[in-house]
Protein backbone atom coordinates (compact mmCIF):
# COMPACT_ATOMS: atom_id res chain seq x y z
CA MET A 1 20.34 72.15 -65.14
CA THR A 2 21.13 72.91 -61.54
CA ARG A 3 17.71 72.51 -60.59
CA MET A 4 16.88 69.52 -63.03
CA THR A 5 20.02 67.96 -60.88
CA THR A 6 18.74 68.31 -57.77
CA LYS A 7 15.23 67.22 -58.35
CA SER A 8 16.78 64.33 -59.91
CA ALA A 9 19.20 63.57 -56.79
CA LYS A 10 15.54 64.20 -54.53
CA ARG A 11 14.31 61.11 -56.41
CA GLU A 12 17.28 59.11 -56.31
CA LYS A 13 17.52 59.50 -52.50
CA THR A 14 13.95 58.48 -52.17
CA ARG A 15 15.03 55.23 -54.01
CA VAL A 16 17.53 54.25 -51.33
CA VAL A 17 16.43 51.41 -49.37
CA ALA A 18 17.24 51.16 -46.07
CA THR A 19 19.64 48.61 -44.74
CA PRO A 20 18.32 46.58 -41.71
CA ASN A 21 21.31 46.89 -38.80
CA PRO A 22 23.44 44.10 -38.63
CA TYR A 23 23.33 44.20 -35.21
CA VAL A 24 19.67 44.70 -34.46
CA MET A 25 19.52 41.44 -36.68
CA VAL A 26 21.82 39.37 -34.72
CA VAL A 27 19.94 40.07 -31.64
CA PHE A 28 16.43 39.64 -33.39
CA THR A 29 18.08 36.07 -34.64
CA ALA A 30 19.29 35.40 -31.38
CA VAL A 31 15.93 35.93 -29.62
CA ILE A 32 14.08 34.16 -31.77
CA ALA A 33 16.55 30.87 -31.77
CA GLY A 34 16.10 31.27 -27.74
CA ILE A 35 12.54 31.48 -27.55
CA PHE A 36 12.06 27.92 -29.99
CA SER A 37 14.75 26.72 -27.55
CA ILE A 38 13.13 27.03 -24.74
CA ILE A 39 9.99 25.90 -26.15
CA GLY A 40 11.93 22.75 -27.27
CA SER A 41 13.14 22.46 -24.19
CA TYR A 42 10.00 22.38 -22.62
CA TYR A 43 8.45 19.77 -24.69
CA THR A 44 11.40 17.33 -24.76
CA ALA A 45 11.27 17.86 -20.83
CA ASP A 46 8.02 16.74 -20.70
CA PHE A 47 8.24 14.16 -22.82
CA GLN A 48 10.88 12.49 -21.22
CA THR A 49 9.27 12.76 -17.79
CA ARG A 50 6.36 11.49 -18.89
CA GLU A 51 8.26 8.51 -20.49
CA VAL A 52 9.96 8.19 -17.07
CA ILE A 53 6.70 8.18 -15.57
CA ALA A 54 5.19 5.52 -17.45
CA GLN A 55 8.31 3.46 -17.23
CA LYS A 56 7.91 3.73 -13.54
CA GLN A 57 4.32 2.94 -13.41
CA PHE A 58 5.00 -0.18 -15.60
CA GLU A 59 7.94 -1.59 -13.56
CA ASN A 60 5.69 -1.06 -10.47
CA ARG A 61 2.92 -3.05 -12.29
CA MET A 62 5.07 -5.65 -12.98
CA LEU A 63 6.10 -6.37 -9.43
CA ALA A 64 2.71 -6.15 -8.23
CA TYR A 65 1.80 -8.90 -11.02
CA THR A 66 4.48 -11.11 -10.24
CA ALA A 67 4.15 -10.61 -6.26
CA PHE A 68 0.59 -11.82 -6.43
CA LEU A 69 1.65 -14.84 -8.66
CA GLU A 70 4.33 -15.89 -6.38
CA ASN A 71 2.05 -15.40 -3.45
CA THR A 72 -1.05 -17.77 -4.51
CA ASP A 73 0.61 -20.73 -2.82
CA HIS A 74 -0.87 -22.36 0.20
CA THR A 75 1.53 -20.85 2.61
CA LYS A 76 1.76 -16.92 1.71
CA ALA A 77 -2.18 -17.03 0.72
CA PRO A 78 -4.04 -19.95 2.05
CA ALA A 79 -7.25 -18.41 1.56
CA ILE A 80 -6.69 -17.50 -2.39
CA SER A 81 -5.20 -21.10 -2.78
CA GLN A 82 -8.04 -23.14 -0.53
CA ILE A 83 -10.37 -21.36 -3.22
CA LEU A 84 -8.40 -22.19 -6.38
CA THR A 85 -8.18 -25.69 -5.30
CA ILE A 86 -12.02 -26.06 -4.69
CA GLY A 87 -12.54 -23.81 -8.08
CA SER A 88 -10.76 -26.88 -9.62
CA MET A 89 -12.58 -29.36 -8.10
CA ALA A 90 -16.10 -27.66 -9.05
CA ASP A 91 -14.96 -28.36 -12.72
CA HIS A 92 -14.79 -32.19 -12.84
CA LEU A 93 -17.59 -33.59 -10.56
CA ALA A 94 -19.09 -36.49 -12.13
CA THR A 95 -20.25 -38.72 -9.00
CA ASP A 96 -22.31 -38.37 -6.06
CA GLY A 97 -18.91 -39.06 -4.33
CA GLU A 98 -17.06 -36.20 -5.94
CA ILE A 99 -19.79 -33.76 -4.95
CA GLN A 100 -20.09 -34.53 -1.77
CA GLU A 101 -16.59 -34.15 -1.49
CA PHE A 102 -16.32 -30.63 -3.08
CA GLU A 103 -19.45 -29.94 -0.09
CA ASP A 104 -17.20 -30.83 2.40
CA ARG A 105 -14.37 -29.07 1.50
CA THR A 106 -16.18 -25.95 1.14
CA ALA A 107 -18.07 -26.29 4.32
CA HIS A 108 -14.04 -26.67 6.27
CA PHE A 109 -13.35 -23.72 4.09
CA LEU A 110 -16.17 -21.61 5.28
CA LYS A 111 -15.63 -22.77 8.87
CA ASN A 112 -11.89 -21.75 8.80
CA TYR A 113 -12.82 -18.55 7.26
CA SER A 114 -16.00 -16.48 7.51
CA SER A 115 -17.06 -14.28 5.04
CA GLN A 116 -15.64 -11.23 6.60
CA ASP A 117 -12.37 -13.42 7.04
CA ILE A 118 -12.26 -13.95 3.28
CA PHE A 119 -13.05 -10.20 2.23
CA TRP A 120 -10.15 -8.92 4.69
CA GLN A 121 -7.84 -11.09 3.42
CA LEU A 122 -8.46 -10.80 -0.40
CA ASN A 123 -9.03 -7.22 -0.24
CA ALA A 124 -5.25 -7.02 1.33
CA ASP A 125 -4.04 -9.48 -1.14
CA LEU A 126 -6.09 -7.38 -4.35
CA ASN A 127 -4.96 -3.88 -2.78
CA SER A 128 -1.29 -3.68 -4.58
CA LEU A 129 -3.28 -5.10 -8.07
CA ARG A 130 -6.37 -2.23 -7.91
CA LEU A 131 -3.37 0.39 -6.93
CA GLN A 132 -0.53 -0.79 -9.89
CA GLY A 133 -2.74 -2.85 -12.02
CA THR A 134 -4.78 -1.72 -15.21
CA PRO A 135 -8.45 -0.79 -15.26
CA ARG A 136 -9.13 -4.16 -16.58
CA VAL A 137 -6.95 -5.86 -13.49
CA ALA A 138 -9.21 -3.54 -10.97
CA GLU A 139 -12.27 -4.45 -12.13
CA ILE A 140 -11.84 -7.74 -12.16
CA CYS A 141 -10.60 -7.58 -8.43
CA ASP A 142 -13.51 -5.00 -7.86
CA ASP A 143 -15.87 -7.79 -9.13
CA ILE A 144 -14.23 -10.19 -6.48
CA LEU A 145 -15.40 -8.45 -3.75
CA LYS A 146 -18.59 -7.86 -5.10
CA SER A 147 -19.44 -11.57 -5.11
CA LEU A 148 -18.14 -11.90 -1.60
CA LEU A 149 -20.71 -9.18 -0.70
CA LEU A 150 -22.87 -11.47 -2.66
CA ARG A 151 -23.58 -8.65 -5.03
CA ASP A 152 -22.54 -11.04 -8.14
CA ASP A 153 -25.48 -9.31 -10.17
CA GLU A 154 -24.20 -6.15 -10.64
CA ILE A 155 -20.79 -7.89 -12.24
CA ILE A 156 -20.45 -7.32 -16.19
CA TRP A 157 -20.38 -11.13 -17.20
CA SER A 158 -20.32 -9.91 -20.79
CA LYS A 159 -16.50 -9.01 -20.28
CA TYR A 160 -15.47 -12.41 -19.17
CA PRO A 161 -14.92 -15.53 -21.17
CA ALA A 162 -17.96 -17.45 -22.30
CA LYS A 163 -16.86 -21.03 -21.17
CA LEU A 164 -16.83 -19.19 -17.43
CA VAL A 165 -20.22 -17.99 -17.53
CA ALA A 166 -21.44 -21.06 -18.47
CA ALA A 167 -19.81 -22.64 -16.05
CA LEU A 168 -21.47 -20.68 -13.66
CA ASN A 169 -24.81 -20.76 -15.22
CA SER A 170 -24.53 -24.57 -15.01
CA TRP A 171 -24.08 -24.02 -11.22
CA ASN A 172 -26.92 -22.07 -10.91
CA SER A 173 -29.30 -24.25 -12.84
CA ALA A 174 -27.73 -27.01 -10.88
CA GLN A 175 -28.63 -25.37 -7.28
CA ASP A 176 -32.39 -24.38 -8.63
CA LYS A 177 -32.48 -28.47 -9.30
CA GLY A 178 -31.12 -29.26 -6.08
CA GLN A 179 -28.51 -30.97 -7.53
CA ALA A 180 -25.82 -28.67 -6.47
CA TYR A 181 -24.35 -31.18 -3.38
CA GLY A 182 -24.17 -34.56 -3.03
CA TRP A 183 -25.62 -36.92 0.28
CA THR A 184 -25.63 -34.37 2.93
CA GLU A 185 -25.90 -30.55 2.22
CA ARG A 186 -23.49 -28.84 4.39
CA VAL A 187 -23.67 -25.00 2.97
CA SER A 188 -26.21 -22.66 1.69
CA SER A 189 -26.85 -21.99 -2.09
CA ASP A 190 -25.29 -18.59 -1.54
CA GLU A 191 -22.35 -19.96 0.01
CA ARG A 192 -21.74 -22.61 -2.54
CA LEU A 193 -22.35 -20.39 -5.40
CA MET A 194 -20.05 -17.31 -3.68
CA ILE A 195 -17.18 -19.50 -3.60
CA VAL A 196 -17.44 -20.81 -7.01
CA ILE A 197 -17.94 -17.54 -8.46
CA ILE A 198 -14.73 -16.63 -6.40
CA SER A 199 -12.72 -19.46 -7.59
CA LYS A 200 -13.59 -18.76 -10.81
CA LEU A 201 -13.31 -15.24 -11.00
CA ASN A 202 -9.24 -15.87 -8.97
CA GLN A 203 -8.57 -17.72 -12.05
CA ALA A 204 -9.75 -15.12 -14.67
CA LEU A 205 -7.34 -12.47 -12.48
CA ILE A 206 -4.39 -15.02 -12.61
CA ASP A 207 -4.95 -15.50 -16.51
CA GLN A 208 -5.09 -11.65 -17.31
CA LEU A 209 -2.09 -11.00 -15.10
CA ARG A 210 -0.23 -13.50 -17.07
CA LYS A 211 -1.48 -11.94 -20.58
CA GLU A 212 -0.42 -8.73 -19.20
CA ILE A 213 3.00 -9.96 -17.93
CA HIS A 214 3.45 -11.78 -21.61
CA GLY A 215 2.82 -8.25 -23.59
CA GLU A 216 -0.85 -9.01 -24.36
CA SER A 217 -2.52 -6.36 -22.21
CA THR A 218 -6.09 -4.94 -23.43
């Protein structure tokens, strides 16, 4: 009987499940919780940092847009102002007198501003937009400068409104037929077309800025 009891006791002993040390469990749980807390804090901080940066970039962008639009008057940005005026005239030419007035205004502008002068002034005016603006705004700014360098063949015109492209095609056609000026030609065909293109692109830029200010960014 004694031997049987001893064997039974041994079997019972082997069935005893070891109970985890409560202190160890507390420490383990605390460590795991700490790890997840650190990971969570890292991602939260990273998200918040990106949000702050994005907000600051947006604010700087809106400031740049607003400043540019406010500066497109004749006192703060005379070159852009005159280019926009000439571009507006180009859309409403019906008589020889109106065409000659456009030719005279273009000649007067180019007498006061050489292509190099226009380039440096526009480059300065557009610089903040190229740095702070959306990719589309930066692209339009680059296209304006390309047109000043007579590299308009590098512009992707399919990205612009069909009405704008049609107007430029009409000007090209008029120049080919010798109908682009009134009684007296005062500027070359390249200069004339350059001014028209720049005016159209500047207006496209202004339209894009206003869209983005009102939350229609593309």
